[in-house]
């Protein structure tokens, strides 16, 4: 029973939250309630969960020695010697085979290729790029971006260039925040050798990461604002024209998505507060689940987006 629990912990199910990015394409294209498309994307979500868990296992095996020096990672099942390495390898192999089989036979060829590229990139990161400053941040961000592209290829629907730029900026912001929080945690360990815990951290200064975070938080806000202003969402368009008299300006009819800028701004500010004041951010999904106001903001944003795209005549 304990091995089952430890194996579940090994898969890091909490991090599957990031895989919800595959639904972005059908959400913003107005196809979220198209059952055939939704089922295919849902399969893609599960395939991504399997393949991402496999890469987490490989990382845990390779980083076991350094994780034992980390204040939080030392409790991971492999670092803590709760799960045997051979068994962990077997689980990772089974997950990869299952994900590739589902992707190739039940989704699309392009989705399958995205999964293959994701695996290649994660292997490159695990064996080489995680030791290279800046490149490690770019790879982490690319992993987020690939999830959005996976949703596009699984569904056949595309997001606008402005939303894509928003995703890129947000991904870089989260990746930088992850490194910033990790640097803060490691720096607080008395007599800690930062390079022995994570080599790239020794090449970053807090000031440098602060500049990176400022750049990408700002660009996320700008690109998302442009998206809401320029995008003309399509959905069911049930409309509530009876509530919106004809004498109201046309602008008021067509720019409802701009309302969602408000929770986005709050969410960015709250997340930055978690990084700098609460010294969190090393694990974005942990921040989201532990910060109730931030979680409520994300849920509120999602409800607003769905309501505007699918139920207001834009």
Protein backbone atom coordinates (compact mmCIF):
# COMPACT_ATOMS: atom_id res chain seq x y z
CA UNK A 1 0.00 0.00 0.00
CA UNK A 2 2.83 2.38 0.88
CA UNK A 3 4.54 1.64 -2.45
CA UNK A 4 1.31 2.56 -4.29
CA UNK A 5 1.08 5.88 -2.42
CA UNK A 6 4.76 6.60 -3.03
CA UNK A 7 4.35 5.76 -6.73
CA UNK A 8 1.46 8.21 -7.01
CA UNK A 9 3.65 10.85 -5.36
CA UNK A 10 6.38 9.96 -7.86
CA UNK A 11 4.02 10.82 -10.73
CA UNK A 12 3.47 14.31 -9.26
CA UNK A 13 -0.26 14.48 -10.13
CA UNK A 14 -0.42 18.03 -8.78
CA UNK A 15 1.72 19.14 -11.73
CA UNK A 16 -0.86 17.82 -14.19
CA UNK A 17 -2.59 21.18 -13.73
CA UNK A 18 -0.16 22.57 -16.31
CA UNK A 19 -1.55 20.15 -18.90
CA UNK A 20 -4.91 21.94 -18.89
CA UNK A 21 -3.19 24.30 -21.33
CA UNK A 22 -4.14 21.82 -24.09
CA UNK A 23 -7.72 23.11 -23.85
CA UNK A 24 -6.70 26.69 -24.75
CA UNK A 25 -7.22 26.24 -28.49
CA UNK A 26 -10.78 24.91 -28.27
CA UNK A 27 -11.67 27.32 -25.47
CA UNK A 28 -10.79 30.45 -27.44
CA UNK A 29 -12.00 29.11 -30.79
CA UNK A 30 -15.50 28.49 -29.42
CA UNK A 31 -15.34 24.68 -29.68
CA UNK A 32 -15.15 23.78 -26.00
CA UNK A 33 -18.60 22.16 -26.06
CA UNK A 34 -18.01 20.30 -29.32
CA UNK A 35 -18.09 16.78 -27.88
CA UNK A 36 -16.08 15.08 -30.64
CA UNK A 37 -13.28 17.64 -30.45
CA UNK A 38 -13.39 17.79 -26.66
CA UNK A 39 -13.00 14.01 -26.35
CA UNK A 40 -9.91 14.07 -28.57
CA UNK A 41 -8.33 16.90 -26.59
CA UNK A 42 -9.20 15.14 -23.32
CA UNK A 43 -7.30 12.09 -24.56
CA UNK A 44 -4.43 14.42 -25.35
CA UNK A 45 -4.59 15.75 -21.81
CA UNK A 46 -4.20 12.26 -20.36
CA UNK A 47 -1.39 11.44 -22.79
CA UNK A 48 0.43 14.58 -21.69
CA UNK A 49 -0.07 13.68 -18.05
CA UNK A 50 1.51 10.28 -18.67
CA UNK A 51 4.49 11.58 -20.62
CA UNK A 52 5.15 14.49 -18.28
CA UNK A 53 5.08 12.16 -15.26
CA UNK A 54 7.60 9.94 -17.04
CA UNK A 55 9.96 12.89 -17.49
CA UNK A 56 9.54 13.84 -13.81
CA UNK A 57 10.61 10.32 -12.85
CA UNK A 58 13.71 10.49 -15.06
CA UNK A 59 14.63 13.88 -13.58
CA UNK A 60 14.17 12.55 -10.05
CA UNK A 61 16.48 9.62 -10.79
CA UNK A 62 19.19 11.82 -12.30
CA UNK A 63 18.87 14.51 -9.61
CA UNK A 64 18.57 12.20 -6.60
CA UNK A 65 21.97 13.15 -5.20
CA UNK A 66 21.44 16.92 -5.45
CA UNK A 67 17.80 16.64 -4.36
CA UNK A 68 18.96 15.19 -1.05
CA UNK A 69 20.64 18.56 -0.37
CA UNK A 70 17.52 20.54 -1.22
CA UNK A 71 15.21 21.69 1.63
CA UNK A 72 12.05 20.34 -0.04
CA UNK A 73 13.11 18.02 -2.84
CA UNK A 74 14.86 15.74 -0.38
CA UNK A 75 11.42 14.36 0.53
CA UNK A 76 10.71 13.13 -3.01
CA UNK A 77 10.23 9.32 -3.17
CA UNK A 78 13.46 8.56 -5.05
CA UNK A 79 15.64 11.05 -3.20
CA UNK A 80 14.23 9.71 0.07
CA UNK A 81 14.80 6.10 -1.13
CA UNK A 82 11.11 5.21 -0.75
CA UNK A 83 10.79 4.00 -4.36
CA UNK A 84 13.46 1.69 -5.88
CA UNK A 85 15.14 3.14 -8.98
CA UNK A 86 14.53 0.01 -11.16
CA UNK A 87 10.81 0.13 -10.35
CA UNK A 88 10.70 3.88 -11.13
CA UNK A 89 12.37 3.23 -14.50
CA UNK A 90 9.77 0.58 -15.32
CA UNK A 91 6.92 2.97 -14.47
CA UNK A 92 8.44 5.68 -16.68
CA UNK A 93 8.83 3.31 -19.64
CA UNK A 94 5.23 2.07 -19.34
CA UNK A 95 3.92 5.66 -19.20
CA UNK A 96 5.87 6.71 -22.30
CA UNK A 97 4.73 3.68 -24.31
CA UNK A 98 1.12 4.24 -23.26
CA UNK A 99 1.24 7.96 -24.12
CA UNK A 100 2.80 7.37 -27.55
CA UNK A 101 0.31 4.61 -28.36
CA UNK A 102 -2.69 6.79 -27.49
CA UNK A 103 -1.25 9.79 -29.34
CA UNK A 104 -0.55 7.83 -32.53
CA UNK A 105 -3.70 5.72 -32.66
CA UNK A 106 -6.39 7.87 -31.07
CA UNK A 107 -5.44 11.51 -31.61
CA UNK A 108 -3.42 12.89 -34.56
CA UNK A 109 -0.01 12.37 -36.12
CA UNK A 110 0.99 15.98 -35.41
CA UNK A 111 0.05 15.56 -31.74
CA UNK A 112 2.17 12.40 -31.67
CA UNK A 113 5.12 14.38 -33.10
CA UNK A 114 4.68 17.07 -30.44
CA UNK A 115 4.85 14.35 -27.75
CA UNK A 116 8.01 12.95 -29.33
CA UNK A 117 9.58 16.41 -29.48
CA UNK A 118 8.58 17.06 -25.87
CA UNK A 119 10.32 13.85 -24.81
CA UNK A 120 13.42 14.76 -26.82
CA UNK A 121 13.52 18.24 -25.30
CA UNK A 122 13.10 16.92 -21.76
CA UNK A 123 15.87 14.37 -22.31
CA UNK A 124 18.12 17.14 -23.63
CA UNK A 125 17.26 19.19 -20.56
CA UNK A 126 17.86 16.35 -18.10
CA UNK A 127 21.24 15.33 -19.52
CA UNK A 128 22.62 18.69 -20.69
CA UNK A 129 20.64 21.93 -20.73
CA UNK A 130 19.68 22.05 -17.06
CA UNK A 131 23.34 22.82 -16.42
CA UNK A 132 23.33 25.77 -18.84
CA UNK A 133 22.18 29.15 -17.51
CA UNK A 134 19.33 30.84 -19.46
CA UNK A 135 18.91 27.71 -21.61
CA UNK A 136 17.35 25.94 -18.62
CA UNK A 137 14.73 28.69 -18.28
CA UNK A 138 13.98 28.59 -22.01
CA UNK A 139 13.46 24.81 -21.93
CA UNK A 140 11.09 25.03 -18.94
CA UNK A 141 9.09 27.73 -20.75
CA UNK A 142 9.07 25.70 -23.98
CA UNK A 143 7.49 22.83 -22.08
CA UNK A 144 4.53 25.09 -21.20
CA UNK A 145 4.26 26.37 -24.77
CA UNK A 146 4.28 22.86 -26.25
CA UNK A 147 1.21 22.01 -24.18
CA UNK A 148 -0.73 24.76 -25.96
CA UNK A 149 0.52 23.60 -29.36
CA UNK A 150 -0.44 20.04 -28.45
CA UNK A 151 -4.00 21.24 -27.94
CA UNK A 152 -3.96 22.91 -31.35
CA UNK A 153 -2.75 19.78 -33.12
CA UNK A 154 -5.13 17.51 -31.23
CA UNK A 155 -8.18 19.63 -32.06
CA UNK A 156 -7.30 21.19 -35.41
CA UNK A 157 -8.23 24.66 -34.10
CA UNK A 158 -5.75 27.47 -33.65
CA UNK A 159 -5.27 30.34 -31.23
CA UNK A 160 -4.48 33.86 -32.40
CA UNK A 161 -0.92 35.15 -32.60
CA UNK A 162 -1.63 37.52 -29.69
CA UNK A 163 -2.71 34.66 -27.44
CA UNK A 164 0.35 32.71 -28.53
CA UNK A 165 2.59 35.64 -27.57
CA UNK A 166 0.75 35.81 -24.24
CA UNK A 167 1.44 32.11 -23.64
CA UNK A 168 5.13 32.55 -24.49
CA UNK A 169 5.49 35.53 -22.13
CA UNK A 170 3.56 33.85 -19.31
CA UNK A 171 5.62 30.67 -19.72
CA UNK A 172 8.87 32.61 -19.45
CA UNK A 173 7.52 34.50 -16.42
CA UNK A 174 6.62 31.25 -14.63
CA UNK A 175 9.99 29.70 -15.50
CA UNK A 176 11.88 32.73 -14.18
CA UNK A 177 9.71 32.78 -11.05
CA UNK A 178 10.57 29.12 -10.49
CA UNK A 179 14.30 29.85 -10.60
CA UNK A 180 13.92 33.02 -8.48
CA UNK A 181 12.12 31.16 -5.70
CA UNK A 182 14.54 28.26 -5.84
CA UNK A 183 17.51 30.63 -5.55
CA UNK A 184 15.92 32.31 -2.52
CA UNK A 185 15.29 28.98 -0.79
CA UNK A 186 18.76 27.61 -1.43
CA UNK A 187 20.44 30.87 -0.39
CA UNK A 188 18.81 30.61 3.03
CA UNK A 189 20.43 27.25 3.76
CA UNK A 190 23.39 27.79 6.05
CA UNK A 191 26.74 26.90 4.44
CA UNK A 192 24.93 25.65 1.34
CA UNK A 193 26.86 25.06 -1.85
CA UNK A 194 24.43 26.43 -4.42
CA UNK A 195 26.22 24.86 -7.37
CA UNK A 196 26.02 21.40 -5.79
CA UNK A 197 22.23 21.72 -5.48
CA UNK A 198 21.67 23.21 -8.93
CA UNK A 199 24.60 24.39 -11.01
CA UNK A 200 22.71 27.03 -12.98
CA UNK A 201 21.56 28.81 -9.82
CA UNK A 202 25.17 29.84 -9.18
CA UNK A 203 25.07 31.77 -12.48
CA UNK A 204 21.97 33.80 -11.56
CA UNK A 205 21.75 36.76 -9.24
CA UNK A 206 18.51 37.79 -7.60
CA UNK A 207 18.71 41.14 -9.37
CA UNK A 208 19.08 39.50 -12.79
CA UNK A 209 16.09 37.22 -12.21
CA UNK A 210 14.09 40.22 -10.95
CA UNK A 211 14.74 41.99 -14.25
CA UNK A 212 13.69 38.90 -16.21
CA UNK A 213 10.50 38.57 -14.15
CA UNK A 214 9.63 42.24 -14.71
CA UNK A 215 10.13 41.93 -18.46
CA UNK A 216 7.95 38.87 -18.89
CA UNK A 217 5.22 39.92 -16.45
CA UNK A 218 4.90 43.20 -18.37
CA UNK A 219 4.87 41.52 -21.77
CA UNK A 220 2.23 39.04 -20.55
CA UNK A 221 -0.05 41.90 -19.57
CA UNK A 222 0.56 43.80 -22.83
CA UNK A 223 0.05 40.83 -25.16
CA UNK A 224 -3.06 39.64 -23.32
CA UNK A 225 -4.52 43.16 -23.46
CA UNK A 226 -3.89 43.27 -27.21
CA UNK A 227 -5.51 39.85 -27.57
CA UNK A 228 -8.68 40.94 -25.78
CA UNK A 229 -8.87 44.15 -27.84
CA UNK A 230 -8.18 42.63 -31.26
CA UNK A 231 -9.80 39.22 -30.92
CA UNK A 232 -13.38 38.68 -32.02
CA UNK A 233 -14.30 35.46 -30.19
CA UNK A 234 -16.65 33.00 -31.81
CA UNK A 235 -18.85 30.63 -29.88
CA UNK A 236 -22.51 29.77 -29.47
CA UNK A 237 -23.29 33.49 -29.57
CA UNK A 238 -26.62 33.03 -27.84
CA UNK A 239 -26.61 36.73 -27.16
CA UNK A 240 -28.40 38.97 -24.74
CA UNK A 241 -29.31 41.76 -27.14
CA UNK A 242 -32.48 42.46 -25.21
CA UNK A 243 -30.28 43.64 -22.36
CA UNK A 244 -28.10 45.78 -24.63
CA UNK A 245 -30.13 48.49 -26.38
CA UNK A 246 -29.15 49.52 -29.90
CA UNK A 247 -28.09 52.99 -28.84
CA UNK A 248 -25.06 51.64 -26.93
CA UNK A 249 -21.74 52.14 -28.78
CA UNK A 250 -20.59 49.33 -31.07
CA UNK A 251 -17.37 49.19 -29.08
CA UNK A 252 -19.33 48.09 -26.03
CA UNK A 253 -20.70 45.15 -27.98
CA UNK A 254 -17.43 43.86 -29.34
CA UNK A 255 -14.79 44.25 -26.63
CA UNK A 256 -16.20 42.28 -23.71
CA UNK A 257 -13.05 40.20 -23.42
CA UNK A 258 -11.24 43.30 -22.17
CA UNK A 259 -13.07 42.82 -18.86
CA UNK A 260 -10.91 39.74 -18.27
CA UNK A 261 -7.81 41.95 -18.11
CA UNK A 262 -8.78 42.83 -14.52
CA UNK A 263 -8.37 39.30 -13.06
CA UNK A 264 -5.24 38.80 -15.18
CA UNK A 265 -3.62 41.88 -13.65
CA UNK A 266 -4.60 40.79 -10.15
CA UNK A 267 -3.36 37.26 -10.81
CA UNK A 268 0.04 38.49 -12.00
CA UNK A 269 0.38 40.81 -9.02
CA UNK A 270 -0.66 38.07 -6.61
CA UNK A 271 1.79 35.59 -8.10
CA UNK A 272 4.63 38.13 -7.88
CA UNK A 273 3.69 38.67 -4.23
CA UNK A 274 3.94 34.92 -3.64
CA UNK A 275 7.41 34.90 -5.19
CA UNK A 276 8.84 37.85 -3.27
CA UNK A 277 6.95 37.99 0.01
CA UNK A 278 5.94 34.38 0.61
CA UNK A 279 9.06 33.11 -1.16
CA UNK A 280 7.08 30.62 -3.19
CA UNK A 281 6.95 30.07 -6.93
CA UNK A 282 9.35 27.15 -7.24
CA UNK A 283 6.30 25.06 -8.05
CA UNK A 284 3.62 27.10 -9.93
CA UNK A 285 0.93 24.49 -9.38
CA UNK A 286 1.67 24.43 -5.65
CA UNK A 287 1.31 28.22 -5.51
CA UNK A 288 -2.00 28.04 -7.37
CA UNK A 289 -3.48 25.38 -5.08
CA UNK A 290 -2.21 26.89 -1.83
CA UNK A 291 -3.10 30.52 -2.56
CA UNK A 292 -6.90 30.63 -2.33
CA UNK A 293 -7.31 34.21 -3.66
CA UNK A 294 -5.12 33.34 -6.66
CA UNK A 295 -7.04 30.12 -7.31
CA UNK A 296 -10.35 31.99 -7.02
CA UNK A 297 -9.05 34.57 -9.51
CA UNK A 298 -8.11 31.90 -12.06
CA UNK A 299 -11.53 30.26 -11.72
CA UNK A 300 -13.25 33.64 -12.01
CA UNK A 301 -11.21 34.44 -15.13
CA UNK A 302 -12.17 31.09 -16.71
CA UNK A 303 -15.87 31.68 -15.98
CA UNK A 304 -15.66 35.17 -17.48
CA UNK A 305 -13.94 33.91 -20.63
CA UNK A 306 -16.45 31.10 -21.15
CA UNK A 307 -19.38 33.41 -20.46
CA UNK A 308 -18.15 36.07 -22.89
CA UNK A 309 -17.12 33.75 -25.72
CA UNK A 310 -20.06 31.35 -25.52
CA UNK A 311 -23.00 33.33 -24.17
CA UNK A 312 -22.56 36.97 -25.17
CA UNK A 313 -23.16 37.96 -28.78
CA UNK A 314 -19.79 39.42 -29.72
